PDB file of N, CA and C in Angstrom:
ATOM      1  N   UNK A   1      12.378   1.299  11.819  1.00  0.00           N
ATOM      2  CA  UNK A   1      12.406   2.059  10.582  1.00  0.00           C
ATOM      3  C   UNK A   1      11.756   1.243   9.472  1.00  0.00           C
ATOM      4  N   UNK A   2      10.899   1.859   8.721  1.00  0.00           N
ATOM      5  CA  UNK A   2      10.233   1.155   7.627  1.00  0.00           C
ATOM      6  C   UNK A   2      11.174   1.008   6.431  1.00  0.00           C
ATOM      7  N   UNK A   3      10.818   0.076   5.564  1.00  0.00           N
ATOM      8  CA  UNK A   3      11.617  -0.136   4.358  1.00  0.00           C
ATOM      9  C   UNK A   3      10.847   0.369   3.139  1.00  0.00           C
ATOM     10  N   UNK A   4      11.561   0.519   2.043  1.00  0.00           N
ATOM     11  CA  UNK A   4      10.966   0.953   0.781  1.00  0.00           C
ATOM     12  C   UNK A   4      11.335  -0.055  -0.291  1.00  0.00           C
ATOM     13  N   UNK A   5      10.342  -0.423  -1.113  1.00  0.00           N
ATOM     14  CA  UNK A   5      10.584  -1.329  -2.233  1.00  0.00           C
ATOM     15  C   UNK A   5      10.087  -0.656  -3.514  1.00  0.00           C
ATOM     16  N   UNK A   6      10.537  -1.162  -4.645  1.00  0.00           N
ATOM     17  CA  UNK A   6      10.084  -0.645  -5.936  1.00  0.00           C
ATOM     18  C   UNK A   6       8.768  -1.304  -6.324  1.00  0.00           C
ATOM     19  N   UNK A   7       8.093  -0.731  -7.292  1.00  0.00           N
ATOM     20  CA  UNK A   7       6.864  -1.341  -7.795  1.00  0.00           C
ATOM     21  C   UNK A   7       7.179  -2.687  -8.457  1.00  0.00           C
ATOM     22  N   UNK A   8       8.348  -2.824  -9.030  1.00  0.00           N
ATOM     23  CA  UNK A   8       8.758  -4.101  -9.620  1.00  0.00           C
ATOM     24  C   UNK A   8       8.902  -5.171  -8.531  1.00  0.00           C
ATOM     25  N   UNK A   9       9.467  -4.789  -7.403  1.00  0.00           N
ATOM     26  CA  UNK A   9       9.583  -5.725  -6.278  1.00  0.00           C
ATOM     27  C   UNK A   9       8.197  -6.089  -5.741  1.00  0.00           C
ATOM     28  N   UNK A  10       7.300  -5.112  -5.696  1.00  0.00           N
ATOM     29  CA  UNK A  10       5.938  -5.402  -5.251  1.00  0.00           C
ATOM     30  C   UNK A  10       5.270  -6.389  -6.200  1.00  0.00           C
ATOM     31  N   UNK A  11       5.450  -6.199  -7.498  1.00  0.00           N
ATOM     32  CA  UNK A  11       4.853  -7.126  -8.452  1.00  0.00           C
ATOM     33  C   UNK A  11       5.365  -8.556  -8.228  1.00  0.00           C
ATOM     34  N   UNK A  12       6.645  -8.702  -7.941  1.00  0.00           N
ATOM     35  CA  UNK A  12       7.202 -10.032  -7.671  1.00  0.00           C
ATOM     36  C   UNK A  12       6.550 -10.636  -6.428  1.00  0.00           C
ATOM     37  N   UNK A  13       6.323  -9.834  -5.407  1.00  0.00           N
ATOM     38  CA  UNK A  13       5.644 -10.321  -4.202  1.00  0.00           C
ATOM     39  C   UNK A  13       4.202 -10.723  -4.512  1.00  0.00           C
ATOM     40  N   UNK A  14       3.528  -9.933  -5.335  1.00  0.00           N
ATOM     41  CA  UNK A  14       2.157 -10.270  -5.728  1.00  0.00           C
ATOM     42  C   UNK A  14       2.130 -11.560  -6.548  1.00  0.00           C
ATOM     43  N   UNK A  15       3.120 -11.741  -7.408  1.00  0.00           N
ATOM     44  CA  UNK A  15       3.210 -12.966  -8.213  1.00  0.00           C
ATOM     45  C   UNK A  15       3.374 -14.199  -7.322  1.00  0.00           C
ATOM     46  N   UNK A  16       4.165 -14.056  -6.269  1.00  0.00           N
ATOM     47  CA  UNK A  16       4.412 -15.188  -5.368  1.00  0.00           C
ATOM     48  C   UNK A  16       3.275 -15.409  -4.378  1.00  0.00           C
ATOM     49  N   UNK A  17       2.415 -14.407  -4.210  1.00  0.00           N
ATOM     50  CA  UNK A  17       1.290 -14.561  -3.294  1.00  0.00           C
ATOM     51  C   UNK A  17       1.688 -14.613  -1.839  1.00  0.00           C
ATOM     52  N   UNK A  18       2.628 -13.786  -1.442  1.00  0.00           N
ATOM     53  CA  UNK A  18       3.092 -13.765  -0.061  1.00  0.00           C
ATOM     54  C   UNK A  18       2.011 -13.320   0.920  1.00  0.00           C
ATOM     55  N   UNK A  19       2.312 -13.470   2.198  1.00  0.00           N
ATOM     56  CA  UNK A  19       1.377 -13.090   3.251  1.00  0.00           C
ATOM     57  C   UNK A  19       1.704 -11.671   3.708  1.00  0.00           C
ATOM     58  N   UNK A  20       0.899 -10.730   3.281  1.00  0.00           N
ATOM     59  CA  UNK A  20       1.042  -9.337   3.671  1.00  0.00           C
ATOM     60  C   UNK A  20      -0.294  -8.642   3.407  1.00  0.00           C
ATOM     61  N   UNK A  21      -0.443  -7.470   3.986  1.00  0.00           N
ATOM     62  CA  UNK A  21      -1.599  -6.632   3.712  1.00  0.00           C
ATOM     63  C   UNK A  21      -1.160  -5.590   2.701  1.00  0.00           C
ATOM     64  N   UNK A  22      -1.911  -5.467   1.612  1.00  0.00           N
ATOM     65  CA  UNK A  22      -1.629  -4.471   0.586  1.00  0.00           C
ATOM     66  C   UNK A  22      -2.570  -3.299   0.818  1.00  0.00           C
ATOM     67  N   UNK A  23      -2.017  -2.136   1.108  1.00  0.00           N
ATOM     68  CA  UNK A  23      -2.795  -0.971   1.508  1.00  0.00           C
ATOM     69  C   UNK A  23      -2.651   0.158   0.500  1.00  0.00           C
ATOM     70  N   UNK A  24      -3.774   0.582  -0.050  1.00  0.00           N
ATOM     71  CA  UNK A  24      -3.851   1.715  -0.977  1.00  0.00           C
ATOM     72  C   UNK A  24      -4.312   2.923  -0.163  1.00  0.00           C
ATOM     73  N   UNK A  25      -3.480   3.965  -0.086  1.00  0.00           N
ATOM     74  CA  UNK A  25      -3.825   5.127   0.732  1.00  0.00           C
ATOM     75  C   UNK A  25      -4.324   6.315  -0.094  1.00  0.00           C
ATOM     76  N   UNK A  26      -4.721   6.053  -1.343  1.00  0.00           N
ATOM     77  CA  UNK A  26      -5.317   7.112  -2.165  1.00  0.00           C
ATOM     78  C   UNK A  26      -6.772   7.318  -1.751  1.00  0.00           C
ATOM     79  N   UNK A  27      -7.388   8.380  -2.253  1.00  0.00           N
ATOM     80  CA  UNK A  27      -8.796   8.616  -1.941  1.00  0.00           C
ATOM     81  C   UNK A  27      -9.659   7.550  -2.608  1.00  0.00           C
ATOM     82  N   UNK A  28     -10.884   7.420  -2.132  1.00  0.00           N
ATOM     83  CA  UNK A  28     -11.773   6.349  -2.583  1.00  0.00           C
ATOM     84  C   UNK A  28     -12.062   6.415  -4.078  1.00  0.00           C
ATOM     85  N   UNK A  29     -12.236   7.612  -4.620  1.00  0.00           N
ATOM     86  CA  UNK A  29     -12.526   7.727  -6.061  1.00  0.00           C
ATOM     87  C   UNK A  29     -11.356   7.222  -6.905  1.00  0.00           C
ATOM     88  N   UNK A  30     -10.139   7.545  -6.488  1.00  0.00           N
ATOM     89  CA  UNK A  30      -8.957   7.052  -7.212  1.00  0.00           C
ATOM     90  C   UNK A  30      -8.869   5.538  -7.124  1.00  0.00           C
ATOM     91  N   UNK A  31      -9.153   4.999  -5.940  1.00  0.00           N
ATOM     92  CA  UNK A  31      -9.130   3.551  -5.745  1.00  0.00           C
ATOM     93  C   UNK A  31     -10.115   2.865  -6.688  1.00  0.00           C
ATOM     94  N   UNK A  32     -11.327   3.387  -6.765  1.00  0.00           N
ATOM     95  CA  UNK A  32     -12.336   2.746  -7.605  1.00  0.00           C
ATOM     96  C   UNK A  32     -12.100   2.969  -9.096  1.00  0.00           C
ATOM     97  N   UNK A  33     -11.242   3.897  -9.441  1.00  0.00           N
ATOM     98  CA  UNK A  33     -10.878   4.082 -10.854  1.00  0.00           C
ATOM     99  C   UNK A  33      -9.884   3.010 -11.297  1.00  0.00           C
ATOM    100  N   UNK A  34      -9.217   2.374 -10.339  1.00  0.00           N
ATOM    101  CA  UNK A  34      -8.264   1.308 -10.619  1.00  0.00           C
ATOM    102  C   UNK A  34      -7.303   1.146  -9.461  1.00  0.00           C
ATOM    103  N   UNK A  35      -6.985  -0.098  -9.136  1.00  0.00           N
ATOM    104  CA  UNK A  35      -6.098  -0.392  -8.009  1.00  0.00           C
ATOM    105  C   UNK A  35      -5.439  -1.747  -8.226  1.00  0.00           C
ATOM    106  N   UNK A  36      -4.557  -2.105  -7.324  1.00  0.00           N
ATOM    107  CA  UNK A  36      -3.915  -3.416  -7.400  1.00  0.00           C
ATOM    108  C   UNK A  36      -4.820  -4.456  -6.768  1.00  0.00           C
ATOM    109  N   UNK A  37      -4.905  -5.630  -7.403  1.00  0.00           N
ATOM    110  CA  UNK A  37      -5.789  -6.667  -6.888  1.00  0.00           C
ATOM    111  C   UNK A  37      -5.393  -7.056  -5.470  1.00  0.00           C
ATOM    112  N   UNK A  38      -6.406  -7.217  -4.642  1.00  0.00           N
ATOM    113  CA  UNK A  38      -6.191  -7.592  -3.250  1.00  0.00           C
ATOM    114  C   UNK A  38      -5.946  -6.431  -2.308  1.00  0.00           C
ATOM    115  N   UNK A  39      -5.903  -5.216  -2.836  1.00  0.00           N
ATOM    116  CA  UNK A  39      -5.615  -4.057  -1.994  1.00  0.00           C
ATOM    117  C   UNK A  39      -6.828  -3.650  -1.162  1.00  0.00           C
ATOM    118  N   UNK A  40      -6.535  -3.126   0.015  1.00  0.00           N
ATOM    119  CA  UNK A  40      -7.515  -2.537   0.912  1.00  0.00           C
ATOM    120  C   UNK A  40      -7.335  -1.031   0.801  1.00  0.00           C
ATOM    121  N   UNK A  41      -8.426  -0.295   0.717  1.00  0.00           N
ATOM    122  CA  UNK A  41      -8.342   1.161   0.594  1.00  0.00           C
ATOM    123  C   UNK A  41      -8.658   1.845   1.917  1.00  0.00           C
ATOM    124  N   UNK A  42      -7.659   2.524   2.459  1.00  0.00           N
ATOM    125  CA  UNK A  42      -7.858   3.417   3.596  1.00  0.00           C
ATOM    126  C   UNK A  42      -7.125   4.706   3.234  1.00  0.00           C
ATOM    127  N   UNK A  43      -7.867   5.755   2.865  1.00  0.00           N
ATOM    128  CA  UNK A  43      -7.210   7.007   2.488  1.00  0.00           C
ATOM    129  C   UNK A  43      -6.296   7.524   3.603  1.00  0.00           C
ATOM    130  N   UNK A  44      -5.192   8.123   3.218  1.00  0.00           N
ATOM    131  CA  UNK A  44      -4.218   8.624   4.182  1.00  0.00           C
ATOM    132  C   UNK A  44      -4.869   9.498   5.251  1.00  0.00           C
ATOM    133  N   UNK A  45      -5.823  10.315   4.847  1.00  0.00           N
ATOM    134  CA  UNK A  45      -6.483  11.223   5.781  1.00  0.00           C
ATOM    135  C   UNK A  45      -7.259  10.482   6.869  1.00  0.00           C
ATOM    136  N   UNK A  46      -7.621   9.220   6.636  1.00  0.00           N
ATOM    137  CA  UNK A  46      -8.390   8.422   7.593  1.00  0.00           C
ATOM    138  C   UNK A  46      -7.534   7.375   8.310  1.00  0.00           C
ATOM    139  N   UNK A  47      -6.289   7.244   7.904  1.00  0.00           N
ATOM    140  CA  UNK A  47      -5.467   6.126   8.352  1.00  0.00           C
ATOM    141  C   UNK A  47      -5.298   6.061   9.864  1.00  0.00           C
ATOM    142  N   UNK A  48      -4.983   7.173  10.486  1.00  0.00           N
ATOM    143  CA  UNK A  48      -4.738   7.152  11.928  1.00  0.00           C
ATOM    144  C   UNK A  48      -5.964   6.682  12.706  1.00  0.00           C
ATOM    145  N   UNK A  49      -7.152   7.018  12.223  1.00  0.00           N
ATOM    146  CA  UNK A  49      -8.395   6.621  12.907  1.00  0.00           C
ATOM    147  C   UNK A  49      -8.787   5.174  12.591  1.00  0.00           C
ATOM    148  N   UNK A  50      -8.219   4.587  11.537  1.00  0.00           N
ATOM    149  CA  UNK A  50      -8.655   3.267  11.086  1.00  0.00           C
ATOM    150  C   UNK A  50      -7.578   2.193  11.188  1.00  0.00           C
ATOM    151  N   UNK A  51      -6.537   2.422  11.971  1.00  0.00           N
ATOM    152  CA  UNK A  51      -5.457   1.435  12.070  1.00  0.00           C
ATOM    153  C   UNK A  51      -5.934   0.108  12.650  1.00  0.00           C
ATOM    154  N   UNK A  52      -7.039   0.111  13.368  1.00  0.00           N
ATOM    155  CA  UNK A  52      -7.577  -1.130  13.912  1.00  0.00           C
ATOM    156  C   UNK A  52      -8.043  -2.099  12.837  1.00  0.00           C
ATOM    157  N   UNK A  53      -8.215  -1.628  11.621  1.00  0.00           N
ATOM    158  CA  UNK A  53      -8.633  -2.474  10.501  1.00  0.00           C
ATOM    159  C   UNK A  53      -7.461  -3.190   9.837  1.00  0.00           C
ATOM    160  N   UNK A  54      -6.236  -2.872  10.253  1.00  0.00           N
ATOM    161  CA  UNK A  54      -5.044  -3.421   9.612  1.00  0.00           C
ATOM    162  C   UNK A  54      -4.405  -4.458  10.532  1.00  0.00           C
ATOM    163  N   UNK A  55      -4.229  -5.693  10.050  1.00  0.00           N
ATOM    164  CA  UNK A  55      -3.587  -6.719  10.886  1.00  0.00           C
ATOM    165  C   UNK A  55      -2.145  -6.339  11.216  1.00  0.00           C
ATOM    166  N   UNK A  56      -1.742  -6.603  12.439  1.00  0.00           N
ATOM    167  CA  UNK A  56      -0.370  -6.313  12.865  1.00  0.00           C
ATOM    168  C   UNK A  56       0.538  -7.529  12.759  1.00  0.00           C
ATOM    169  N   UNK A  57      -0.028  -8.683  12.405  1.00  0.00           N
ATOM    170  CA  UNK A  57       0.756  -9.913  12.391  1.00  0.00           C
ATOM    171  C   UNK A  57       1.427 -10.203  11.057  1.00  0.00           C
ATOM    172  N   UNK A  58       1.433  -9.234  10.165  1.00  0.00           N
ATOM    173  CA  UNK A  58       2.062  -9.404   8.846  1.00  0.00           C
ATOM    174  C   UNK A  58       2.516  -8.042   8.335  1.00  0.00           C
ATOM    175  N   UNK A  59       3.429  -8.023   7.385  1.00  0.00           N
ATOM    176  CA  UNK A  59       3.856  -6.735   6.819  1.00  0.00           C
ATOM    177  C   UNK A  59       2.691  -6.010   6.139  1.00  0.00           C
ATOM    178  N   UNK A  60       2.752  -4.697   6.140  1.00  0.00           N
ATOM    179  CA  UNK A  60       1.775  -3.863   5.447  1.00  0.00           C
ATOM    180  C   UNK A  60       2.531  -3.149   4.336  1.00  0.00           C
ATOM    181  N   UNK A  61       2.214  -3.507   3.087  1.00  0.00           N
ATOM    182  CA  UNK A  61       2.856  -2.868   1.936  1.00  0.00           C
ATOM    183  C   UNK A  61       1.916  -1.776   1.454  1.00  0.00           C
ATOM    184  N   UNK A  62       2.417  -0.561   1.420  1.00  0.00           N
ATOM    185  CA  UNK A  62       1.599   0.616   1.176  1.00  0.00           C
ATOM    186  C   UNK A  62       1.957   1.233  -0.165  1.00  0.00           C
ATOM    187  N   UNK A  63       0.928   1.600  -0.930  1.00  0.00           N
ATOM    188  CA  UNK A  63       1.173   2.336  -2.170  1.00  0.00           C
ATOM    189  C   UNK A  63       0.155   3.461  -2.311  1.00  0.00           C
ATOM    190  N   UNK A  64       0.490   4.409  -3.179  1.00  0.00           N
ATOM    191  CA  UNK A  64      -0.402   5.533  -3.491  1.00  0.00           C
ATOM    192  C   UNK A  64      -0.208   5.854  -4.971  1.00  0.00           C
ATOM    193  N   UNK A  65      -0.485   7.054  -5.369  1.00  0.00           N
ATOM    194  CA  UNK A  65      -0.353   7.421  -6.770  1.00  0.00           C
ATOM    195  C   UNK A  65       1.075   7.666  -7.220  1.00  0.00           C
ATOM    196  N   UNK A  66       1.847   8.392  -6.406  1.00  0.00           N
ATOM    197  CA  UNK A  66       3.206   8.774  -6.808  1.00  0.00           C
ATOM    198  C   UNK A  66       4.276   8.442  -5.788  1.00  0.00           C
ATOM    199  N   UNK A  67       3.908   8.026  -4.596  1.00  0.00           N
ATOM    200  CA  UNK A  67       4.889   7.615  -3.612  1.00  0.00           C
ATOM    201  C   UNK A  67       4.972   8.469  -2.355  1.00  0.00           C
ATOM    202  N   UNK A  68       4.501   9.704  -2.400  1.00  0.00           N
ATOM    203  CA  UNK A  68       4.658  10.570  -1.228  1.00  0.00           C
ATOM    204  C   UNK A  68       3.695  10.202  -0.092  1.00  0.00           C
ATOM    205  N   UNK A  69       2.453   9.892  -0.417  1.00  0.00           N
ATOM    206  CA  UNK A  69       1.499   9.514   0.632  1.00  0.00           C
ATOM    207  C   UNK A  69       1.858   8.169   1.252  1.00  0.00           C
ATOM    208  N   UNK A  70       2.403   7.261   0.457  1.00  0.00           N
ATOM    209  CA  UNK A  70       2.791   5.966   1.029  1.00  0.00           C
ATOM    210  C   UNK A  70       3.953   6.130   2.013  1.00  0.00           C
ATOM    211  N   UNK A  71       4.847   7.077   1.755  1.00  0.00           N
ATOM    212  CA  UNK A  71       5.929   7.360   2.704  1.00  0.00           C
ATOM    213  C   UNK A  71       5.372   7.874   4.030  1.00  0.00           C
ATOM    214  N   UNK A  72       4.419   8.796   3.951  1.00  0.00           N
ATOM    215  CA  UNK A  72       3.800   9.330   5.170  1.00  0.00           C
ATOM    216  C   UNK A  72       3.058   8.237   5.932  1.00  0.00           C
ATOM    217  N   UNK A  73       2.339   7.394   5.193  1.00  0.00           N
ATOM    218  CA  UNK A  73       1.595   6.305   5.829  1.00  0.00           C
ATOM    219  C   UNK A  73       2.547   5.304   6.479  1.00  0.00           C
ATOM    220  N   UNK A  74       3.638   4.978   5.800  1.00  0.00           N
ATOM    221  CA  UNK A  74       4.616   4.035   6.355  1.00  0.00           C
ATOM    222  C   UNK A  74       5.235   4.594   7.625  1.00  0.00           C
ATOM    223  N   UNK A  75       5.545   5.872   7.629  1.00  0.00           N
ATOM    224  CA  UNK A  75       6.118   6.508   8.818  1.00  0.00           C
ATOM    225  C   UNK A  75       5.133   6.427   9.986  1.00  0.00           C
ATOM    226  N   UNK A  76       3.867   6.709   9.722  1.00  0.00           N
ATOM    227  CA  UNK A  76       2.838   6.644  10.760  1.00  0.00           C
ATOM    228  C   UNK A  76       2.686   5.223  11.299  1.00  0.00           C
ATOM    229  N   UNK A  77       2.519   4.251  10.391  1.00  0.00           N
ATOM    230  CA  UNK A  77       2.303   2.869  10.821  1.00  0.00           C
ATOM    231  C   UNK A  77       3.528   2.298  11.528  1.00  0.00           C
ATOM    232  N   UNK A  78       4.711   2.630  11.035  1.00  0.00           N
ATOM    233  CA  UNK A  78       5.931   2.171  11.689  1.00  0.00           C
ATOM    234  C   UNK A  78       5.983   2.679  13.131  1.00  0.00           C
ATOM    235  N   UNK A  79       5.615   3.919  13.329  1.00  0.00           N
ATOM    236  CA  UNK A  79       5.598   4.490  14.664  1.00  0.00           C
ATOM    237  C   UNK A  79       4.587   3.841  15.591  1.00  0.00           C
ATOM    238  N   UNK A  80       3.584   3.187  15.018  1.00  0.00           N
ATOM    239  CA  UNK A  80       2.557   2.500  15.798  1.00  0.00           C
ATOM    240  C   UNK A  80       2.846   1.004  15.948  1.00  0.00           C
ATOM    241  N   UNK A  81       4.019   0.576  15.508  1.00  0.00           N
ATOM    242  CA  UNK A  81       4.427  -0.811  15.707  1.00  0.00           C
ATOM    243  C   UNK A  81       4.113  -1.765  14.579  1.00  0.00           C
ATOM    244  N   UNK A  82       3.679  -1.258  13.436  1.00  0.00           N
ATOM    245  CA  UNK A  82       3.421  -2.107  12.269  1.00  0.00           C
ATOM    246  C   UNK A  82       4.729  -2.346  11.521  1.00  0.00           C
ATOM    247  N   UNK A  83       4.811  -3.467  10.804  1.00  0.00           N
ATOM    248  CA  UNK A  83       5.921  -3.709   9.878  1.00  0.00           C
ATOM    249  C   UNK A  83       5.511  -3.061   8.565  1.00  0.00           C
ATOM    250  N   UNK A  84       5.854  -1.793   8.400  1.00  0.00           N
ATOM    251  CA  UNK A  84       5.413  -0.998   7.253  1.00  0.00           C
ATOM    252  C   UNK A  84       6.446  -1.017   6.134  1.00  0.00           C
ATOM    253  N   UNK A  85       5.939  -1.125   4.904  1.00  0.00           N
ATOM    254  CA  UNK A  85       6.787  -1.120   3.713  1.00  0.00           C
ATOM    255  C   UNK A  85       6.164  -0.144   2.716  1.00  0.00           C
ATOM    256  N   UNK A  86       6.914   0.865   2.313  1.00  0.00           N
ATOM    257  CA  UNK A  86       6.435   1.844   1.335  1.00  0.00           C
ATOM    258  C   UNK A  86       6.912   1.442  -0.057  1.00  0.00           C
ATOM    259  N   UNK A  87       6.117   1.785  -1.069  1.00  0.00           N
ATOM    260  CA  UNK A  87       6.540   1.524  -2.445  1.00  0.00           C
ATOM    261  C   UNK A  87       6.995   2.823  -3.087  1.00  0.00           C
ATOM    262  N   UNK A  88       8.146   2.776  -3.712  1.00  0.00           N
ATOM    263  CA  UNK A  88       8.705   3.951  -4.382  1.00  0.00           C
ATOM    264  C   UNK A  88       7.984   4.190  -5.700  1.00  0.00           C
ATOM    265  N   UNK A  89       7.637   5.418  -5.936  1.00  0.00           N
ATOM    266  CA  UNK A  89       7.029   5.775  -7.215  1.00  0.00           C
ATOM    267  C   UNK A  89       5.520   5.702  -7.234  1.00  0.00           C
ATOM    268  N   UNK A  90       4.961   4.687  -6.680  1.00  0.00           N
ATOM    269  CA  UNK A  90       3.511   4.575  -6.624  1.00  0.00           C
ATOM    270  C   UNK A  90       2.888   3.984  -7.878  1.00  0.00           C
ATOM    271  N   UNK A  91       1.575   3.987  -7.883  1.00  0.00           N
ATOM    272  CA  UNK A  91       0.797   3.334  -8.936  1.00  0.00           C
ATOM    273  C   UNK A  91       1.000   3.975 -10.310  1.00  0.00           C
ATOM    274  N   UNK A  92       1.355   5.237 -10.353  1.00  0.00           N
ATOM    275  CA  UNK A  92       1.571   5.888 -11.649  1.00  0.00           C
ATOM    276  C   UNK A  92       2.746   5.269 -12.408  1.00  0.00           C
ATOM    277  N   UNK A  93       3.615   4.527 -11.701  1.00  0.00           N
ATOM    278  CA  UNK A  93       4.761   3.878 -12.334  1.00  0.00           C
ATOM    279  C   UNK A  93       4.532   2.389 -12.587  1.00  0.00           C
ATOM    280  N   UNK A  94       3.351   1.905 -12.268  1.00  0.00           N
ATOM    281  CA  UNK A  94       3.094   0.478 -12.390  1.00  0.00           C
ATOM    282  C   UNK A  94       2.423   0.169 -13.722  1.00  0.00           C
ATOM    283  N   UNK A  95       2.941  -0.785 -14.436  1.00  0.00           N
ATOM    284  CA  UNK A  95       2.373  -1.197 -15.722  1.00  0.00           C
ATOM    285  C   UNK A  95       2.158  -2.704 -15.769  1.00  0.00           C
ATOM    286  N   UNK A  96       2.025  -3.330 -14.609  1.00  0.00           N
ATOM    287  CA  UNK A  96       1.953  -4.774 -14.538  1.00  0.00           C
ATOM    288  C   UNK A  96       0.551  -5.355 -14.611  1.00  0.00           C
ATOM    289  N   UNK A  97       0.484  -6.632 -14.447  1.00  0.00           N
ATOM    290  CA  UNK A  97      -0.754  -7.392 -14.639  1.00  0.00           C
ATOM    291  C   UNK A  97      -1.661  -7.421 -13.427  1.00  0.00           C
ATOM    292  N   UNK A  98      -1.248  -6.859 -12.305  1.00  0.00           N
ATOM    293  CA  UNK A  98      -2.075  -6.906 -11.096  1.00  0.00           C
ATOM    294  C   UNK A  98      -2.974  -5.683 -10.942  1.00  0.00           C
ATOM    295  N   UNK A  99      -2.985  -4.806 -11.933  1.00  0.00           N
ATOM    296  CA  UNK A  99      -3.848  -3.624 -11.911  1.00  0.00           C
ATOM    297  C   UNK A  99      -5.259  -4.039 -12.319  1.00  0.00           C
ATOM    298  N   UNK A 100      -6.245  -3.673 -11.524  1.00  0.00           N
ATOM    299  CA  UNK A 100      -7.633  -4.004 -11.855  1.00  0.00           C
ATOM    300  C   UNK A 100      -8.481  -2.746 -11.863  1.00  0.00           C
ATOM    301  N   UNK A 101      -9.461  -2.757 -12.745  1.00  0.00           N
ATOM    302  CA  UNK A 101     -10.456  -1.689 -12.818  1.00  0.00           C
ATOM    303  C   UNK A 101     -11.797  -2.335 -12.535  1.00  0.00           C
ATOM    304  N   UNK A 102     -12.420  -1.936 -11.436  1.00  0.00           N
ATOM    305  CA  UNK A 102     -13.716  -2.569 -11.078  1.00  0.00           C
ATOM    306  C   UNK A 102     -14.796  -2.322 -12.118  1.00  0.00           C
TER     307      UNK A 102
END
């Protein structure tokens, strides 16, 4: 079963620089409008076909815009044997310093 963390907990993990994959499952245009530093973008619609791009040797922390797509992605990845972690609320609730606009 996957776990869920808050965006505040994610920020603390980003501050500490832990070893995990940060996965943004929003569409590419949303990602390029702004995302969390260090995030990899694989839209939810492409995730099942692109799981080979995600390392299995570390947790995968997943976020989206509001939290619903990250839940679906976490459920999918958990079922495939990944250590999946969903973020509650999503990027729309994040006001921290790790947000970047390319």
